[in-house]
Amino acid sequence: MSLGKWPETVEEAEVRLRSVEANFQYLEKCEKKETEDKIISELKPKIDMMFQQISAVNSKSLQQPTSDNVILGLDFLDQQKARLNFDDKTLVLQSGITEVPLTNGENNDNSICFISLINDEVIPSRSEVIIPVQTVDKSIKSKIGIIEPNTVLVGKQNIVGATCLVQIRNNKSFLQVLNPTNAKVRLSKHTKIGKFSEIIELDFK
């Protein structure tokens, strides 16, 4: 590229310099665009293939079971330290402190229900107390059955509940609890402390 005659004044030198800078920027811009176009042209087939694979995986996942933790909700179970108990059809949360029925709507088996605390309770150290409890299922009014304590409370709160034969009256009854430790134990209201199972009389006639 010919630069022409040598500039004789400062003004001509400045004009020449601006012209050179403009040409350099233009060439740099052209080179950058050419490089970008080259990269895009090389990557486009790979990008298209990736989207095709993603589409195929999504389509396949709708047609067959998947082991994806997010879809199965295993991330939620892990965060909540939860587990599924298929023996009594409950979702056990917070390492057993809370239990939620897996069935939707009303419980079809009215002979079994959870027992919770009516009030906040403080159990003194090295003591045995009888605390008021209530059935979570309000449909149970007056039935005779057995209350089985939540065994997880032994590991978490270091207390022991007694399996009791009780009569439920207006959804309420009592549970015997032992605190063998040297510290008092606090239990919050509505804590599910056990399960009530109705005793069903069998007619052998």
Protein backbone atom coordinates (compact mmCIF):
# COMPACT_ATOMS: atom_id res chain seq x y z
CA MET A 1 0.00 0.00 0.00
CA SER A 2 1.47 3.34 -1.10
CA LEU A 3 1.56 6.03 1.56
CA GLY A 4 2.17 8.88 -0.96
CA LYS A 5 4.54 11.72 -0.28
CA TRP A 6 6.04 12.31 3.14
CA PRO A 7 4.00 14.81 5.19
CA GLU A 8 5.59 18.24 5.38
CA THR A 9 3.51 19.76 8.20
CA VAL A 10 2.15 18.63 11.54
CA GLU A 11 -1.41 18.81 10.20
CA GLU A 12 -0.54 16.52 7.27
CA ALA A 13 1.17 14.10 9.67
CA GLU A 14 -1.93 13.98 11.89
CA VAL A 15 -4.18 13.34 8.88
CA ARG A 16 -1.84 10.58 7.68
CA LEU A 17 -1.79 9.02 11.17
CA ARG A 18 -5.58 9.02 11.44
CA SER A 19 -5.80 7.41 8.01
CA VAL A 20 -3.34 4.68 9.00
CA GLU A 21 -5.23 4.03 12.28
CA ALA A 22 -8.54 3.84 10.41
CA ASN A 23 -7.10 1.35 7.93
CA PHE A 24 -5.62 -0.73 10.74
CA GLN A 25 -8.93 -0.80 12.67
CA TYR A 26 -10.79 -1.77 9.51
CA LEU A 27 -8.39 -4.62 8.78
CA GLU A 28 -8.54 -5.75 12.40
CA LYS A 29 -12.34 -5.71 12.32
CA CYS A 30 -12.38 -7.70 9.06
CA GLU A 31 -9.93 -10.23 10.47
CA LYS A 32 -11.97 -10.59 13.67
CA LYS A 33 -15.19 -11.15 11.73
CA GLU A 34 -13.46 -13.66 9.49
CA THR A 35 -12.17 -15.52 12.54
CA GLU A 36 -15.61 -15.51 14.19
CA ASP A 37 -17.26 -16.78 11.02
CA LYS A 38 -14.67 -19.54 10.80
CA ILE A 39 -15.24 -20.60 14.40
CA ILE A 40 -19.03 -20.54 13.99
CA SER A 41 -18.86 -22.55 10.78
CA GLU A 42 -16.74 -25.18 12.52
CA LEU A 43 -18.89 -25.33 15.66
CA LYS A 44 -22.33 -25.17 14.04
CA PRO A 45 -22.47 -28.89 13.09
CA LYS A 46 -21.43 -29.84 16.62
CA ILE A 47 -24.02 -27.50 18.15
CA ASP A 48 -26.75 -28.87 15.89
CA MET A 49 -25.78 -32.43 16.85
CA MET A 50 -25.88 -31.53 20.55
CA PHE A 51 -29.41 -30.10 20.24
CA GLN A 52 -30.50 -33.22 18.36
CA GLN A 53 -29.15 -35.41 21.16
CA ILE A 54 -30.90 -33.31 23.81
CA SER A 55 -34.15 -33.51 21.88
CA ALA A 56 -33.80 -37.27 21.52
CA VAL A 57 -33.12 -37.71 25.24
CA ASN A 58 -36.13 -35.56 26.19
CA SER A 59 -38.37 -37.50 23.82
CA LYS A 60 -37.09 -40.81 25.16
CA SER A 61 -37.56 -39.76 28.78
CA LEU A 62 -41.26 -39.24 28.13
CA GLN A 63 -41.63 -42.79 26.90
CA GLN A 64 -39.76 -44.76 29.55
CA PRO A 65 -38.75 -44.52 33.24
CA THR A 66 -35.76 -42.37 34.09
CA SER A 67 -33.22 -42.36 36.89
CA ASP A 68 -32.97 -38.57 36.95
CA ASN A 69 -32.82 -37.44 40.59
CA VAL A 70 -34.64 -34.19 39.88
CA ILE A 71 -37.58 -35.91 38.20
CA LEU A 72 -37.88 -38.53 40.93
CA GLY A 73 -37.60 -35.92 43.67
CA LEU A 74 -34.62 -37.65 45.28
CA ASP A 75 -32.95 -34.27 45.74
CA PHE A 76 -35.86 -33.22 47.96
CA LEU A 77 -35.69 -36.45 49.95
CA ASP A 78 -31.96 -35.99 50.46
CA GLN A 79 -32.28 -32.36 51.58
CA GLN A 80 -35.07 -33.16 54.03
CA LYS A 81 -33.33 -36.30 55.30
CA ALA A 82 -36.49 -38.13 54.33
CA ARG A 83 -37.33 -41.71 53.47
CA LEU A 84 -40.34 -43.56 52.13
CA ASN A 85 -41.85 -46.13 54.47
CA PHE A 86 -43.98 -48.44 52.37
CA ASP A 87 -44.89 -50.63 55.36
CA ASP A 88 -47.25 -48.02 56.81
CA LYS A 89 -47.42 -45.84 53.66
CA THR A 90 -45.80 -42.74 55.14
CA LEU A 91 -43.17 -40.19 54.12
CA VAL A 92 -40.77 -39.82 57.05
CA LEU A 93 -39.19 -36.34 57.26
CA GLN A 94 -36.49 -34.81 59.47
CA SER A 95 -35.03 -38.22 60.35
CA GLY A 96 -38.35 -39.44 61.73
CA ILE A 97 -39.63 -36.45 63.72
CA THR A 98 -42.38 -35.82 61.15
CA GLU A 99 -44.43 -38.39 59.26
CA VAL A 100 -46.78 -37.62 56.38
CA PRO A 101 -49.29 -40.10 54.91
CA LEU A 102 -48.54 -41.04 51.31
CA THR A 103 -52.21 -41.40 50.43
CA ASN A 104 -54.16 -38.43 49.09
CA GLY A 105 -57.52 -37.42 50.47
CA GLU A 106 -59.18 -39.28 53.29
CA ASN A 107 -57.52 -42.28 54.85
CA ASN A 108 -59.29 -45.42 53.71
CA ASP A 109 -57.99 -47.35 56.71
CA ASN A 110 -59.67 -45.62 59.64
CA SER A 111 -58.30 -48.19 62.09
CA ILE A 112 -54.81 -46.60 62.10
CA CYS A 113 -53.89 -42.94 62.55
CA PHE A 114 -51.15 -40.73 63.98
CA ILE A 115 -51.08 -39.43 67.54
CA SER A 116 -49.77 -35.91 68.24
CA LEU A 117 -49.17 -33.74 71.30
CA ILE A 118 -51.96 -31.39 72.32
CA ASN A 119 -49.62 -28.90 74.03
CA ASP A 120 -45.93 -28.08 74.30
CA GLU A 121 -44.48 -30.48 76.84
CA VAL A 122 -41.41 -30.36 79.08
CA ILE A 123 -40.44 -33.73 80.54
CA PRO A 124 -38.24 -33.37 83.64
CA SER A 125 -35.01 -35.32 83.94
CA ARG A 126 -35.23 -38.86 85.32
CA SER A 127 -38.99 -38.80 85.43
CA GLU A 128 -42.03 -40.65 84.18
CA VAL A 129 -45.01 -38.59 83.05
CA ILE A 130 -48.39 -39.08 81.41
CA ILE A 131 -49.05 -36.52 78.69
CA PRO A 132 -52.27 -35.73 76.81
CA VAL A 133 -52.33 -36.64 73.13
CA GLN A 134 -54.83 -36.45 70.29
CA THR A 135 -55.54 -38.28 67.08
CA VAL A 136 -54.59 -36.47 63.88
CA ASP A 137 -57.60 -38.02 62.16
CA LYS A 138 -60.54 -36.09 63.62
CA SER A 139 -63.03 -38.70 62.42
CA ILE A 140 -62.03 -40.98 65.29
CA LYS A 141 -64.30 -40.14 68.21
CA SER A 142 -64.51 -43.06 70.59
CA LYS A 143 -62.50 -46.22 69.97
CA ILE A 144 -60.42 -48.67 71.95
CA GLY A 145 -56.97 -49.43 70.64
CA ILE A 146 -53.22 -49.38 71.15
CA ILE A 147 -50.87 -46.40 71.01
CA GLU A 148 -47.37 -47.27 69.82
CA PRO A 149 -44.75 -44.55 70.47
CA ASN A 150 -42.58 -43.14 67.70
CA THR A 151 -39.33 -45.08 68.11
CA VAL A 152 -37.33 -42.30 66.44
CA LEU A 153 -37.90 -40.13 69.52
CA VAL A 154 -35.66 -42.53 71.43
CA GLY A 155 -32.71 -41.66 69.20
CA LYS A 156 -33.48 -37.96 68.73
CA GLN A 157 -34.89 -36.93 72.12
CA ASN A 158 -33.60 -39.80 74.30
CA ILE A 159 -37.07 -40.49 75.68
CA VAL A 160 -38.99 -43.75 75.82
CA GLY A 161 -42.71 -44.09 75.24
CA ALA A 162 -44.81 -46.96 76.51
CA THR A 163 -47.10 -49.00 74.30
CA CYS A 164 -50.47 -48.34 75.88
CA LEU A 165 -53.96 -49.79 75.67
CA VAL A 166 -56.21 -46.73 75.58
CA GLN A 167 -59.68 -45.51 74.77
CA ILE A 168 -59.95 -42.51 72.46
CA ARG A 169 -62.62 -40.06 73.59
CA ASN A 170 -63.32 -37.01 71.45
CA ASN A 171 -60.02 -37.59 69.66
CA LYS A 172 -58.06 -37.41 72.93
CA SER A 173 -56.19 -39.83 75.16
CA PHE A 174 -52.94 -40.14 77.17
CA LEU A 175 -49.45 -41.56 76.62
CA GLN A 176 -46.89 -42.63 79.22
CA VAL A 177 -43.38 -41.26 78.57
CA LEU A 178 -40.10 -41.87 80.41
CA ASN A 179 -37.09 -39.51 80.38
CA PRO A 180 -34.09 -41.47 81.73
CA THR A 181 -31.56 -38.69 81.05
CA ASN A 182 -30.13 -36.01 83.34
CA ALA A 183 -31.60 -33.18 81.24
CA LYS A 184 -35.17 -32.09 80.69
CA VAL A 185 -36.64 -32.72 77.25
CA ARG A 186 -38.87 -30.29 75.35
CA LEU A 187 -41.46 -31.52 72.87
CA SER A 188 -43.34 -29.14 70.60
CA LYS A 189 -47.09 -29.02 70.18
CA HIS A 190 -48.42 -31.20 67.32
CA THR A 191 -45.31 -33.41 67.35
CA LYS A 192 -46.36 -36.81 66.02
CA ILE A 193 -45.39 -38.92 68.97
CA GLY A 194 -46.94 -42.23 67.96
CA LYS A 195 -49.62 -44.17 66.11
CA PHE A 196 -53.02 -45.39 67.22
CA SER A 197 -54.29 -48.77 66.02
CA GLU A 198 -57.89 -49.68 66.69
CA ILE A 199 -58.62 -53.08 68.19
CA ILE A 200 -61.12 -54.75 65.92
CA GLU A 201 -63.39 -57.34 67.48
CA LEU A 202 -63.72 -60.47 65.40
CA ASP A 203 -66.99 -62.33 65.31
CA PHE A 204 -66.29 -66.07 65.30
CA LYS A 205 -69.93 -67.06 65.26
